[in-house]
Amino acid sequence: MREAFDAELAVFRRQLADLAQRTRDAMTRATTAVLDVSLTGAAEVINDDAGLVEAHHRIDQQALTLLALQQPVAGDLRTIIAGLRTSADLKRMATLARHVAELVRQRHPRPVVPSAVRPTIVEMGAVAARLAAAAQEAMTTGNADAAVALEQADDEMDTLLKSLYGTLVFEHRWNVETAMDLTLLGRYYERFADHAVSVAKRVAFAVGSRG
């Protein structure tokens, strides 16, 4: 009975890691689309979002099945609960990637990102990808120390956001629509980073239960 439960729990963890990988890829592709003004790239991210939501629901259903049928002990219970919350974080991260891509579709053929702030958005996309990769690695390895490292990288994202907003406030070179788009774009990357940190904290919570 325990062997069967462990096998199902391993499947649950693999599903979470797979969703993390797909979420990371979604934001990477969304960043490329917004920088390249690519309708095709944006459409791929938007269309793939339904599959990510479906994967999220499958993970939640698996968690509920484990809770209802297997009577997990305390450590396993913490792992499952952390997994449920991680799934919600990953779903939200995927939604934020979709929002980035939607800006491309809404403004095409006009670029969302003016050349003056392109380096900042490039760096925000890179930090987002790095945070997502670190969160995925934490999930795969069970590294409870990852949350601290991710919080430091999240500080970098906050600095980039302040730089972007400072440019919007002090350099009156863009119309209201462009300023609003950049404000939203910065917010999407910031929230994506925050959810990646939350994922690492969930891992620390679950691993701590087994320590």
N, C-alpha and C. Protein backbone atom coordinates (compact mmCIF):
# COMPACT_ATOMS: atom_id res chain seq x y z
N MET A 1 0.84 -1.20 0.00
CA MET A 1 0.00 0.00 0.00
C MET A 1 0.87 1.25 0.00
N ARG A 2 1.92 1.27 0.85
CA ARG A 2 2.80 2.42 0.91
C ARG A 2 3.55 2.61 -0.40
N GLU A 3 3.95 1.51 -1.02
CA GLU A 3 4.67 1.61 -2.29
C GLU A 3 3.80 2.24 -3.36
N ALA A 4 2.53 1.88 -3.37
CA ALA A 4 1.60 2.45 -4.35
C ALA A 4 1.42 3.95 -4.11
N PHE A 5 1.32 4.33 -2.84
CA PHE A 5 1.17 5.75 -2.50
C PHE A 5 2.41 6.54 -2.92
N ASP A 6 3.60 5.99 -2.62
CA ASP A 6 4.84 6.66 -2.99
C ASP A 6 4.93 6.85 -4.51
N ALA A 7 4.48 5.85 -5.25
CA ALA A 7 4.50 5.95 -6.72
C ALA A 7 3.57 7.07 -7.20
N GLU A 8 2.39 7.15 -6.59
CA GLU A 8 1.44 8.19 -6.98
C GLU A 8 1.96 9.58 -6.58
N LEU A 9 2.63 9.64 -5.43
CA LEU A 9 3.19 10.91 -4.99
C LEU A 9 4.33 11.35 -5.93
N ALA A 10 5.09 10.39 -6.42
CA ALA A 10 6.16 10.71 -7.37
C ALA A 10 5.58 11.25 -8.67
N VAL A 11 4.47 10.68 -9.11
CA VAL A 11 3.78 11.18 -10.31
C VAL A 11 3.32 12.62 -10.09
N PHE A 12 2.78 12.86 -8.91
CA PHE A 12 2.31 14.19 -8.55
C PHE A 12 3.45 15.21 -8.63
N ARG A 13 4.60 14.84 -8.10
CA ARG A 13 5.75 15.75 -8.13
C ARG A 13 6.23 15.98 -9.57
N ARG A 14 6.23 14.92 -10.38
CA ARG A 14 6.66 15.07 -11.78
C ARG A 14 5.71 15.98 -12.55
N GLN A 15 4.42 15.87 -12.27
CA GLN A 15 3.45 16.73 -12.93
C GLN A 15 3.69 18.20 -12.57
N LEU A 16 4.01 18.46 -11.33
CA LEU A 16 4.31 19.82 -10.91
C LEU A 16 5.56 20.34 -11.60
N ALA A 17 6.61 19.52 -11.66
CA ALA A 17 7.85 19.93 -12.30
C ALA A 17 7.63 20.20 -13.79
N ASP A 18 6.80 19.38 -14.43
CA ASP A 18 6.49 19.58 -15.84
C ASP A 18 5.74 20.89 -16.05
N LEU A 19 4.78 21.19 -15.17
CA LEU A 19 4.04 22.44 -15.27
C LEU A 19 4.98 23.63 -15.07
N ALA A 20 5.93 23.50 -14.15
CA ALA A 20 6.91 24.57 -13.93
C ALA A 20 7.74 24.81 -15.18
N GLN A 21 8.16 23.75 -15.85
CA GLN A 21 8.94 23.89 -17.08
C GLN A 21 8.12 24.59 -18.16
N ARG A 22 6.88 24.18 -18.31
CA ARG A 22 6.03 24.76 -19.35
C ARG A 22 5.73 26.23 -19.04
N THR A 23 5.59 26.56 -17.77
CA THR A 23 5.34 27.95 -17.38
C THR A 23 6.56 28.81 -17.67
N ARG A 24 7.72 28.28 -17.34
CA ARG A 24 8.97 29.00 -17.65
C ARG A 24 9.09 29.24 -19.15
N ASP A 25 8.83 28.22 -19.94
CA ASP A 25 8.92 28.35 -21.39
C ASP A 25 7.92 29.38 -21.92
N ALA A 26 6.73 29.42 -21.32
CA ALA A 26 5.70 30.36 -21.76
C ALA A 26 6.17 31.80 -21.60
N MET A 27 6.76 32.12 -20.44
CA MET A 27 7.22 33.49 -20.24
C MET A 27 8.42 33.82 -21.14
N THR A 28 9.30 32.85 -21.36
CA THR A 28 10.43 33.09 -22.26
C THR A 28 9.93 33.41 -23.66
N ARG A 29 8.95 32.64 -24.14
CA ARG A 29 8.41 32.86 -25.48
C ARG A 29 7.60 34.15 -25.55
N ALA A 30 6.91 34.49 -24.46
CA ALA A 30 6.15 35.74 -24.43
C ALA A 30 7.09 36.94 -24.49
N THR A 31 8.22 36.85 -23.79
CA THR A 31 9.21 37.93 -23.83
C THR A 31 9.77 38.11 -25.23
N THR A 32 10.08 37.01 -25.88
CA THR A 32 10.58 37.08 -27.26
C THR A 32 9.54 37.71 -28.17
N ALA A 33 8.28 37.34 -27.98
CA ALA A 33 7.20 37.88 -28.83
C ALA A 33 7.04 39.38 -28.64
N VAL A 34 7.10 39.83 -27.39
CA VAL A 34 6.89 41.26 -27.13
C VAL A 34 8.07 42.09 -27.62
N LEU A 35 9.27 41.53 -27.57
CA LEU A 35 10.45 42.25 -28.05
C LEU A 35 10.54 42.25 -29.57
N ASP A 36 10.10 41.15 -30.19
CA ASP A 36 10.19 41.02 -31.65
C ASP A 36 8.91 41.46 -32.37
N VAL A 37 7.91 41.87 -31.60
CA VAL A 37 6.60 42.25 -32.16
C VAL A 37 6.07 41.10 -33.03
N SER A 38 6.10 39.90 -32.48
CA SER A 38 5.74 38.69 -33.23
C SER A 38 4.31 38.25 -32.90
N LEU A 39 3.41 38.41 -33.86
CA LEU A 39 2.05 37.93 -33.67
C LEU A 39 2.01 36.41 -33.56
N THR A 40 2.83 35.74 -34.34
CA THR A 40 2.86 34.28 -34.31
C THR A 40 3.32 33.78 -32.95
N GLY A 41 4.39 34.37 -32.43
CA GLY A 41 4.88 33.96 -31.12
C GLY A 41 3.88 34.24 -30.03
N ALA A 42 3.23 35.40 -30.11
CA ALA A 42 2.22 35.74 -29.11
C ALA A 42 1.05 34.77 -29.16
N ALA A 43 0.62 34.43 -30.37
CA ALA A 43 -0.52 33.51 -30.52
C ALA A 43 -0.20 32.14 -29.94
N GLU A 44 1.03 31.69 -30.09
CA GLU A 44 1.42 30.39 -29.54
C GLU A 44 1.30 30.38 -28.02
N VAL A 45 1.77 31.45 -27.40
CA VAL A 45 1.68 31.53 -25.93
C VAL A 45 0.23 31.58 -25.49
N ILE A 46 -0.57 32.39 -26.15
CA ILE A 46 -1.98 32.53 -25.78
C ILE A 46 -2.72 31.21 -25.97
N ASN A 47 -2.47 30.54 -27.09
CA ASN A 47 -3.16 29.28 -27.36
C ASN A 47 -2.72 28.16 -26.41
N ASP A 48 -1.46 28.19 -25.99
CA ASP A 48 -0.96 27.15 -25.10
C ASP A 48 -1.48 27.30 -23.67
N ASP A 49 -2.01 28.47 -23.35
CA ASP A 49 -2.43 28.73 -21.97
C ASP A 49 -3.53 27.76 -21.54
N ALA A 50 -4.43 27.41 -22.44
CA ALA A 50 -5.51 26.49 -22.09
C ALA A 50 -4.95 25.14 -21.63
N GLY A 51 -3.88 24.68 -22.28
CA GLY A 51 -3.27 23.42 -21.88
C GLY A 51 -2.60 23.52 -20.52
N LEU A 52 -2.06 24.67 -20.20
CA LEU A 52 -1.45 24.86 -18.88
C LEU A 52 -2.52 24.88 -17.79
N VAL A 53 -3.64 25.50 -18.08
CA VAL A 53 -4.74 25.51 -17.11
C VAL A 53 -5.26 24.09 -16.89
N GLU A 54 -5.36 23.34 -17.97
CA GLU A 54 -5.82 21.95 -17.86
C GLU A 54 -4.84 21.12 -17.02
N ALA A 55 -3.54 21.34 -17.22
CA ALA A 55 -2.53 20.62 -16.43
C ALA A 55 -2.66 20.99 -14.95
N HIS A 56 -2.91 22.25 -14.68
CA HIS A 56 -3.13 22.71 -13.29
C HIS A 56 -4.31 21.96 -12.66
N HIS A 57 -5.40 21.84 -13.40
CA HIS A 57 -6.58 21.15 -12.86
C HIS A 57 -6.30 19.67 -12.63
N ARG A 58 -5.52 19.05 -13.52
CA ARG A 58 -5.17 17.63 -13.33
C ARG A 58 -4.34 17.44 -12.07
N ILE A 59 -3.43 18.35 -11.84
CA ILE A 59 -2.59 18.27 -10.63
C ILE A 59 -3.45 18.42 -9.38
N ASP A 60 -4.36 19.37 -9.40
CA ASP A 60 -5.23 19.56 -8.24
C ASP A 60 -6.10 18.33 -8.00
N GLN A 61 -6.59 17.73 -9.07
CA GLN A 61 -7.41 16.53 -8.92
C GLN A 61 -6.58 15.38 -8.36
N GLN A 62 -5.33 15.27 -8.81
CA GLN A 62 -4.45 14.22 -8.28
C GLN A 62 -4.21 14.43 -6.79
N ALA A 63 -4.03 15.69 -6.40
CA ALA A 63 -3.81 15.99 -4.99
C ALA A 63 -5.03 15.61 -4.16
N LEU A 64 -6.19 15.94 -4.64
CA LEU A 64 -7.42 15.61 -3.91
C LEU A 64 -7.61 14.10 -3.81
N THR A 65 -7.24 13.39 -4.86
CA THR A 65 -7.33 11.93 -4.84
C THR A 65 -6.39 11.34 -3.78
N LEU A 66 -5.16 11.88 -3.73
CA LEU A 66 -4.21 11.41 -2.73
C LEU A 66 -4.72 11.68 -1.31
N LEU A 67 -5.32 12.84 -1.12
CA LEU A 67 -5.84 13.18 0.20
C LEU A 67 -7.03 12.31 0.59
N ALA A 68 -7.89 12.04 -0.38
CA ALA A 68 -9.14 11.35 -0.08
C ALA A 68 -8.97 9.84 0.08
N LEU A 69 -8.07 9.26 -0.69
CA LEU A 69 -8.01 7.80 -0.76
C LEU A 69 -6.84 7.18 -0.02
N GLN A 70 -5.78 7.96 0.24
CA GLN A 70 -4.55 7.35 0.74
C GLN A 70 -4.27 7.62 2.21
N GLN A 71 -4.99 8.54 2.84
CA GLN A 71 -4.77 8.88 4.24
C GLN A 71 -3.28 9.15 4.52
N PRO A 72 -2.72 10.19 3.91
CA PRO A 72 -1.28 10.45 4.08
C PRO A 72 -0.91 10.85 5.50
N VAL A 73 0.30 10.50 5.89
CA VAL A 73 0.82 10.91 7.20
C VAL A 73 1.20 12.38 7.12
N ALA A 74 1.63 12.95 8.25
CA ALA A 74 1.82 14.40 8.36
C ALA A 74 2.77 14.94 7.30
N GLY A 75 3.93 14.30 7.13
CA GLY A 75 4.91 14.80 6.16
C GLY A 75 4.37 14.78 4.75
N ASP A 76 3.69 13.69 4.39
CA ASP A 76 3.09 13.58 3.06
C ASP A 76 1.98 14.62 2.88
N LEU A 77 1.25 14.86 3.92
CA LEU A 77 0.16 15.84 3.86
C LEU A 77 0.72 17.22 3.55
N ARG A 78 1.79 17.57 4.20
CA ARG A 78 2.42 18.87 3.93
C ARG A 78 2.90 18.96 2.49
N THR A 79 3.45 17.88 1.97
CA THR A 79 3.91 17.84 0.58
C THR A 79 2.75 18.07 -0.38
N ILE A 80 1.63 17.42 -0.11
CA ILE A 80 0.47 17.54 -1.00
C ILE A 80 -0.13 18.94 -0.93
N ILE A 81 -0.26 19.46 0.27
CA ILE A 81 -0.81 20.82 0.43
C ILE A 81 0.09 21.84 -0.24
N ALA A 82 1.40 21.69 -0.04
CA ALA A 82 2.35 22.59 -0.69
C ALA A 82 2.24 22.47 -2.21
N GLY A 83 2.04 21.25 -2.69
CA GLY A 83 1.88 21.04 -4.13
C GLY A 83 0.64 21.71 -4.68
N LEU A 84 -0.45 21.66 -3.94
CA LEU A 84 -1.67 22.34 -4.36
C LEU A 84 -1.43 23.84 -4.50
N ARG A 85 -0.76 24.41 -3.53
CA ARG A 85 -0.51 25.85 -3.57
C ARG A 85 0.51 26.20 -4.66
N THR A 86 1.48 25.31 -4.87
CA THR A 86 2.44 25.52 -5.95
C THR A 86 1.75 25.50 -7.30
N SER A 87 0.83 24.58 -7.47
CA SER A 87 0.07 24.51 -8.71
C SER A 87 -0.65 25.81 -8.99
N ALA A 88 -1.23 26.40 -7.95
CA ALA A 88 -1.93 27.68 -8.10
C ALA A 88 -0.95 28.79 -8.50
N ASP A 89 0.25 28.80 -7.89
CA ASP A 89 1.26 29.78 -8.26
C ASP A 89 1.67 29.63 -9.73
N LEU A 90 1.89 28.40 -10.14
CA LEU A 90 2.32 28.15 -11.51
C LEU A 90 1.23 28.53 -12.51
N LYS A 91 -0.01 28.27 -12.17
CA LYS A 91 -1.12 28.68 -13.04
C LYS A 91 -1.13 30.19 -13.21
N ARG A 92 -0.93 30.91 -12.11
CA ARG A 92 -0.93 32.36 -12.18
C ARG A 92 0.27 32.86 -13.00
N MET A 93 1.41 32.21 -12.87
CA MET A 93 2.58 32.58 -13.66
C MET A 93 2.31 32.39 -15.15
N ALA A 94 1.64 31.30 -15.50
CA ALA A 94 1.28 31.06 -16.89
C ALA A 94 0.32 32.14 -17.40
N THR A 95 -0.61 32.55 -16.55
CA THR A 95 -1.55 33.61 -16.93
C THR A 95 -0.82 34.92 -17.18
N LEU A 96 0.18 35.22 -16.37
CA LEU A 96 0.95 36.44 -16.55
C LEU A 96 1.74 36.40 -17.86
N ALA A 97 2.27 35.24 -18.21
CA ALA A 97 2.94 35.10 -19.51
C ALA A 97 1.95 35.36 -20.64
N ARG A 98 0.74 34.85 -20.50
CA ARG A 98 -0.29 35.09 -21.51
C ARG A 98 -0.60 36.58 -21.62
N HIS A 99 -0.66 37.27 -20.48
CA HIS A 99 -0.94 38.71 -20.50
C HIS A 99 0.15 39.47 -21.29
N VAL A 100 1.40 39.07 -21.09
CA VAL A 100 2.48 39.70 -21.85
C VAL A 100 2.25 39.51 -23.34
N ALA A 101 1.91 38.29 -23.73
CA ALA A 101 1.67 37.99 -25.14
C ALA A 101 0.45 38.75 -25.67
N GLU A 102 -0.56 38.91 -24.85
CA GLU A 102 -1.76 39.61 -25.29
C GLU A 102 -1.49 41.08 -25.64
N LEU A 103 -0.51 41.68 -24.96
CA LEU A 103 -0.15 43.05 -25.29
C LEU A 103 0.33 43.16 -26.74
N VAL A 104 1.05 42.14 -27.20
CA VAL A 104 1.53 42.14 -28.59
C VAL A 104 0.34 42.15 -29.54
N ARG A 105 -0.62 41.29 -29.29
CA ARG A 105 -1.79 41.19 -30.16
C ARG A 105 -2.61 42.48 -30.14
N GLN A 106 -2.74 43.08 -28.97
CA GLN A 106 -3.56 44.28 -28.84
C GLN A 106 -2.95 45.48 -29.56
N ARG A 107 -1.62 45.57 -29.59
CA ARG A 107 -0.97 46.77 -30.13
C ARG A 107 -0.37 46.60 -31.52
N HIS A 108 -0.32 45.39 -32.01
CA HIS A 108 0.28 45.15 -33.33
C HIS A 108 -0.42 46.02 -34.39
N PRO A 109 0.36 46.64 -35.31
CA PRO A 109 1.80 46.45 -35.56
C PRO A 109 2.71 47.38 -34.74
N ARG A 110 2.13 48.19 -33.87
CA ARG A 110 2.96 49.07 -33.06
C ARG A 110 3.72 48.25 -32.02
N PRO A 111 5.02 48.49 -31.85
CA PRO A 111 5.76 47.78 -30.80
C PRO A 111 5.25 48.17 -29.41
N VAL A 112 5.19 47.22 -28.52
CA VAL A 112 4.81 47.50 -27.13
C VAL A 112 5.98 48.17 -26.41
N VAL A 113 7.19 47.76 -26.77
CA VAL A 113 8.40 48.21 -26.06
C VAL A 113 9.18 49.21 -26.92
N PRO A 114 9.22 50.48 -26.55
CA PRO A 114 10.06 51.45 -27.27
C PRO A 114 11.53 51.10 -27.11
N SER A 115 12.33 51.52 -28.07
CA SER A 115 13.75 51.17 -28.07
C SER A 115 14.47 51.69 -26.82
N ALA A 116 14.01 52.80 -26.28
CA ALA A 116 14.69 53.40 -25.12
C ALA A 116 14.64 52.52 -23.88
N VAL A 117 13.60 51.70 -23.74
CA VAL A 117 13.48 50.85 -22.55
C VAL A 117 13.66 49.37 -22.90
N ARG A 118 14.02 49.09 -24.13
CA ARG A 118 14.21 47.69 -24.53
C ARG A 118 15.23 46.97 -23.64
N PRO A 119 16.39 47.57 -23.33
CA PRO A 119 17.34 46.85 -22.47
C PRO A 119 16.74 46.47 -21.11
N THR A 120 15.90 47.32 -20.56
CA THR A 120 15.28 47.02 -19.26
C THR A 120 14.34 45.83 -19.38
N ILE A 121 13.53 45.81 -20.44
CA ILE A 121 12.59 44.70 -20.63
C ILE A 121 13.34 43.40 -20.93
N VAL A 122 14.41 43.50 -21.70
CA VAL A 122 15.24 42.31 -21.97
C VAL A 122 15.74 41.73 -20.64
N GLU A 123 16.21 42.59 -19.76
CA GLU A 123 16.74 42.13 -18.49
C GLU A 123 15.63 41.60 -17.59
N MET A 124 14.47 42.23 -17.60
CA MET A 124 13.35 41.72 -16.80
C MET A 124 12.94 40.33 -17.27
N GLY A 125 12.92 40.13 -18.59
CA GLY A 125 12.61 38.81 -19.11
C GLY A 125 13.64 37.78 -18.70
N ALA A 126 14.93 38.18 -18.72
CA ALA A 126 15.99 37.25 -18.33
C ALA A 126 15.90 36.89 -16.85
N VAL A 127 15.61 37.89 -16.01
CA VAL A 127 15.48 37.62 -14.57
C VAL A 127 14.28 36.72 -14.31
N ALA A 128 13.18 36.97 -15.01
CA ALA A 128 11.99 36.13 -14.85
C ALA A 128 12.29 34.67 -15.21
N ALA A 129 13.01 34.49 -16.32
CA ALA A 129 13.37 33.13 -16.74
C ALA A 129 14.29 32.46 -15.72
N ARG A 130 15.24 33.23 -15.19
CA ARG A 130 16.17 32.69 -14.20
C ARG A 130 15.44 32.30 -12.91
N LEU A 131 14.51 33.13 -12.49
CA LEU A 131 13.73 32.82 -11.29
C LEU A 131 12.89 31.57 -11.49
N ALA A 132 12.25 31.47 -12.65
CA ALA A 132 11.42 30.30 -12.93
C ALA A 132 12.27 29.03 -12.99
N ALA A 133 13.47 29.14 -13.59
CA ALA A 133 14.36 27.99 -13.65
C ALA A 133 14.81 27.56 -12.26
N ALA A 134 15.10 28.54 -11.40
CA ALA A 134 15.53 28.24 -10.04
C ALA A 134 14.40 27.59 -9.24
N ALA A 135 13.18 28.09 -9.45
CA ALA A 135 12.03 27.49 -8.76
C ALA A 135 11.82 26.05 -9.21
N GLN A 136 11.97 25.82 -10.51
CA GLN A 136 11.82 24.47 -11.04
C GLN A 136 12.90 23.56 -10.47
N GLU A 137 14.12 24.06 -10.40
CA GLU A 137 15.22 23.27 -9.85
C GLU A 137 14.97 22.94 -8.38
N ALA A 138 14.42 23.90 -7.65
CA ALA A 138 14.10 23.64 -6.24
C ALA A 138 13.08 22.52 -6.12
N MET A 139 12.09 22.53 -7.01
CA MET A 139 11.08 21.48 -6.98
C MET A 139 11.66 20.13 -7.32
N THR A 140 12.57 20.11 -8.28
CA THR A 140 13.13 18.85 -8.75
C THR A 140 14.09 18.23 -7.73
N THR A 141 14.88 19.10 -7.07
CA THR A 141 15.90 18.61 -6.16
C THR A 141 15.47 18.62 -4.69
N GLY A 142 14.37 19.35 -4.41
CA GLY A 142 13.96 19.50 -3.01
C GLY A 142 14.90 20.36 -2.22
N ASN A 143 15.47 21.38 -2.86
CA ASN A 143 16.45 22.26 -2.21
C ASN A 143 15.73 23.31 -1.37
N ALA A 144 15.77 23.15 -0.07
CA ALA A 144 15.05 24.06 0.82
C ALA A 144 15.71 25.43 0.92
N ASP A 145 16.98 25.54 0.48
CA ASP A 145 17.68 26.82 0.54
C ASP A 145 17.39 27.71 -0.66
N ALA A 146 16.65 27.19 -1.61
CA ALA A 146 16.43 27.94 -2.84
C ALA A 146 15.63 29.22 -2.61
N ALA A 147 14.75 29.20 -1.63
CA ALA A 147 13.91 30.38 -1.38
C ALA A 147 14.74 31.61 -1.09
N VAL A 148 15.82 31.44 -0.35
CA VAL A 148 16.68 32.58 -0.01
C VAL A 148 17.32 33.14 -1.27
N ALA A 149 17.85 32.25 -2.11
CA ALA A 149 18.50 32.69 -3.34
C ALA A 149 17.50 33.38 -4.27
N LEU A 150 16.29 32.85 -4.34
CA LEU A 150 15.29 33.45 -5.21
C LEU A 150 14.84 34.81 -4.70
N GLU A 151 14.79 34.98 -3.40
CA GLU A 151 14.41 36.28 -2.87
C GLU A 151 15.44 37.34 -3.25
N GLN A 152 16.70 36.96 -3.31
CA GLN A 152 17.74 37.90 -3.73
C GLN A 152 17.56 38.28 -5.20
N ALA A 153 17.25 37.29 -6.04
CA ALA A 153 17.00 37.57 -7.45
C ALA A 153 15.73 38.40 -7.63
N ASP A 154 14.75 38.17 -6.77
CA ASP A 154 13.52 38.95 -6.82
C ASP A 154 13.80 40.42 -6.53
N ASP A 155 14.77 40.70 -5.66
CA ASP A 155 15.17 42.08 -5.40
C ASP A 155 15.69 42.74 -6.68
N GLU A 156 16.36 41.96 -7.51
CA GLU A 156 16.85 42.48 -8.79
C GLU A 156 15.68 42.88 -9.69
N MET A 157 14.64 42.06 -9.69
CA MET A 157 13.46 42.39 -10.48
C MET A 157 12.81 43.68 -9.97
N ASP A 158 12.74 43.83 -8.66
CA ASP A 158 12.16 45.04 -8.07
C ASP A 158 12.96 46.28 -8.49
N THR A 159 14.29 46.15 -8.53
CA THR A 159 15.14 47.26 -8.95
C THR A 159 14.87 47.63 -10.40
N LEU A 160 14.72 46.63 -11.24
CA LEU A 160 14.42 46.87 -12.65
C LEU A 160 13.06 47.55 -12.81
N LEU A 161 12.10 47.12 -12.01
CA LEU A 161 10.77 47.72 -12.09
C LEU A 161 10.83 49.20 -11.69
N LYS A 162 11.57 49.52 -10.65
CA LYS A 162 11.70 50.91 -10.22
C LYS A 162 12.37 51.74 -11.32
N SER A 163 13.36 51.14 -11.99
CA SER A 163 14.03 51.84 -13.08
C SER A 163 13.05 52.13 -14.21
N LEU A 164 12.24 51.14 -14.55
CA LEU A 164 11.25 51.32 -15.61
C LEU A 164 10.25 52.40 -15.25
N TYR A 165 9.73 52.34 -14.05
CA TYR A 165 8.75 53.33 -13.62
C TYR A 165 9.37 54.72 -13.52
N GLY A 166 10.63 54.77 -13.10
CA GLY A 166 11.31 56.06 -13.04
C GLY A 166 11.44 56.70 -14.42
N THR A 167 11.71 55.87 -15.42
CA THR A 167 11.79 56.36 -16.79
C THR A 167 10.43 56.91 -17.24
N LEU A 168 9.37 56.20 -16.89
CA LEU A 168 8.03 56.64 -17.28
C LEU A 168 7.66 57.97 -16.63
N VAL A 169 8.09 58.17 -15.39
CA VAL A 169 7.71 59.37 -14.64
C VAL A 169 8.52 60.59 -15.09
N PHE A 170 9.82 60.39 -15.29
CA PHE A 170 10.70 61.54 -15.50
C PHE A 170 11.02 61.84 -16.96
N GLU A 171 10.71 60.89 -17.85
CA GLU A 171 10.96 61.14 -19.27
C GLU A 171 9.62 61.14 -20.01
N HIS A 172 9.11 62.29 -20.32
CA HIS A 172 7.77 62.42 -20.91
C HIS A 172 7.85 62.32 -22.43
N ARG A 173 8.27 61.16 -22.89
CA ARG A 173 8.47 60.99 -24.32
C ARG A 173 7.39 60.14 -24.97
N TRP A 174 6.52 59.50 -24.17
CA TRP A 174 5.55 58.58 -24.74
C TRP A 174 4.12 59.03 -24.46
N ASN A 175 3.19 58.55 -25.29
CA ASN A 175 1.79 58.85 -25.07
C ASN A 175 1.24 57.99 -23.93
N VAL A 176 0.00 58.27 -23.55
CA VAL A 176 -0.60 57.58 -22.41
C VAL A 176 -0.70 56.08 -22.66
N GLU A 177 -1.06 55.69 -23.87
CA GLU A 177 -1.22 54.27 -24.19
C GLU A 177 0.09 53.51 -23.99
N THR A 178 1.17 54.05 -24.49
CA THR A 178 2.48 53.40 -24.34
C THR A 178 2.88 53.32 -22.87
N ALA A 179 2.66 54.40 -22.15
CA ALA A 179 3.00 54.42 -20.72
C ALA A 179 2.21 53.37 -19.95
N MET A 180 0.93 53.23 -20.30
CA MET A 180 0.09 52.22 -19.63
C MET A 180 0.57 50.81 -19.96
N ASP A 181 0.92 50.59 -21.22
CA ASP A 181 1.40 49.26 -21.62
C ASP A 181 2.67 48.90 -20.86
N LEU A 182 3.60 49.82 -20.74
CA LEU A 182 4.86 49.55 -20.05
C LEU A 182 4.63 49.35 -18.55
N THR A 183 3.68 50.10 -18.00
CA THR A 183 3.34 49.91 -16.58
C THR A 183 2.80 48.50 -16.35
N LEU A 184 1.91 48.05 -17.23
CA LEU A 184 1.36 46.70 -17.12
C LEU A 184 2.45 45.66 -17.31
N LEU A 185 3.29 45.87 -18.31
CA LEU A 185 4.34 44.90 -18.61
C LEU A 185 5.27 44.73 -17.41
N GLY A 186 5.66 45.84 -16.81
CA GLY A 186 6.51 45.75 -15.63
C GLY A 186 5.85 45.02 -14.50
N ARG A 187 4.56 45.29 -14.32
CA ARG A 187 3.81 44.63 -13.26
C ARG A 187 3.71 43.12 -13.50
N TYR A 188 3.52 42.73 -14.75
CA TYR A 188 3.43 41.29 -15.06
C TYR A 188 4.73 40.57 -14.69
N TYR A 189 5.86 41.16 -15.04
CA TYR A 189 7.14 40.53 -14.70
C TYR A 189 7.36 40.51 -13.19
N GLU A 190 6.99 41.57 -12.52
CA GLU A 190 7.16 41.61 -11.06
C GLU A 190 6.33 40.51 -10.39
N ARG A 191 5.09 40.38 -10.79
CA ARG A 191 4.23 39.37 -10.17
C ARG A 191 4.70 37.96 -10.52
N PHE A 192 5.19 37.75 -11.73
CA PHE A 192 5.74 36.46 -12.12
C PHE A 192 6.89 36.09 -11.19
N ALA A 193 7.77 37.05 -10.93
CA ALA A 193 8.89 36.80 -10.04
C ALA A 193 8.42 36.49 -8.62
N ASP A 194 7.43 37.23 -8.15
CA ASP A 194 6.91 36.98 -6.80
C ASP A 194 6.36 35.56 -6.66
N HIS A 195 5.66 35.10 -7.68
CA HIS A 195 5.11 33.74 -7.62
C HIS A 195 6.22 32.68 -7.68
N ALA A 196 7.29 32.96 -8.41
CA ALA A 196 8.42 32.03 -8.44
C ALA A 196 9.03 31.89 -7.05
N VAL A 197 9.16 33.00 -6.35
CA VAL A 197 9.67 32.95 -4.97
C VAL A 197 8.71 32.15 -4.09
N SER A 198 7.41 32.33 -4.28
CA SER A 198 6.42 31.58 -3.51
C SER A 198 6.58 30.08 -3.73
N VAL A 199 6.85 29.69 -4.98
CA VAL A 199 7.04 28.27 -5.29
C VAL A 199 8.21 27.72 -4.47
N ALA A 200 9.31 28.45 -4.42
CA ALA A 200 10.48 27.98 -3.66
C ALA A 200 10.15 27.88 -2.18
N LYS A 201 9.36 28.81 -1.68
CA LYS A 201 8.96 28.75 -0.27
C LYS A 201 8.08 27.53 0.00
N ARG A 202 7.24 27.17 -0.96
CA ARG A 202 6.42 25.95 -0.80
C ARG A 202 7.33 24.73 -0.70
N VAL A 203 8.38 24.71 -1.54
CA VAL A 203 9.33 23.60 -1.51
C VAL A 203 10.00 23.54 -0.13
N ALA A 204 10.42 24.69 0.38
CA ALA A 204 11.07 24.71 1.69
C ALA A 204 10.12 24.20 2.76
N PHE A 205 8.85 24.56 2.67
CA PHE A 205 7.84 24.08 3.61
C PHE A 205 7.72 22.56 3.56
N ALA A 206 7.61 22.02 2.35
CA ALA A 206 7.44 20.58 2.18
C ALA A 206 8.69 19.81 2.60
N VAL A 207 9.87 20.30 2.20
CA VAL A 207 11.11 19.61 2.55
C VAL A 207 11.37 19.68 4.04
N GLY A 208 11.02 20.78 4.65
CA GLY A 208 11.19 20.91 6.09
C GLY A 208 10.39 19.88 6.86
N SER A 209 9.29 19.46 6.26
CA SER A 209 8.46 18.45 6.92
C SER A 209 9.11 17.07 6.91
N ARG A 210 10.11 16.91 6.02
CA ARG A 210 10.76 15.61 5.92
C ARG A 210 12.13 15.63 6.56
N GLY A 211 12.54 16.83 7.01
CA GLY A 211 13.89 16.96 7.58
C GLY A 211 13.99 16.40 8.96
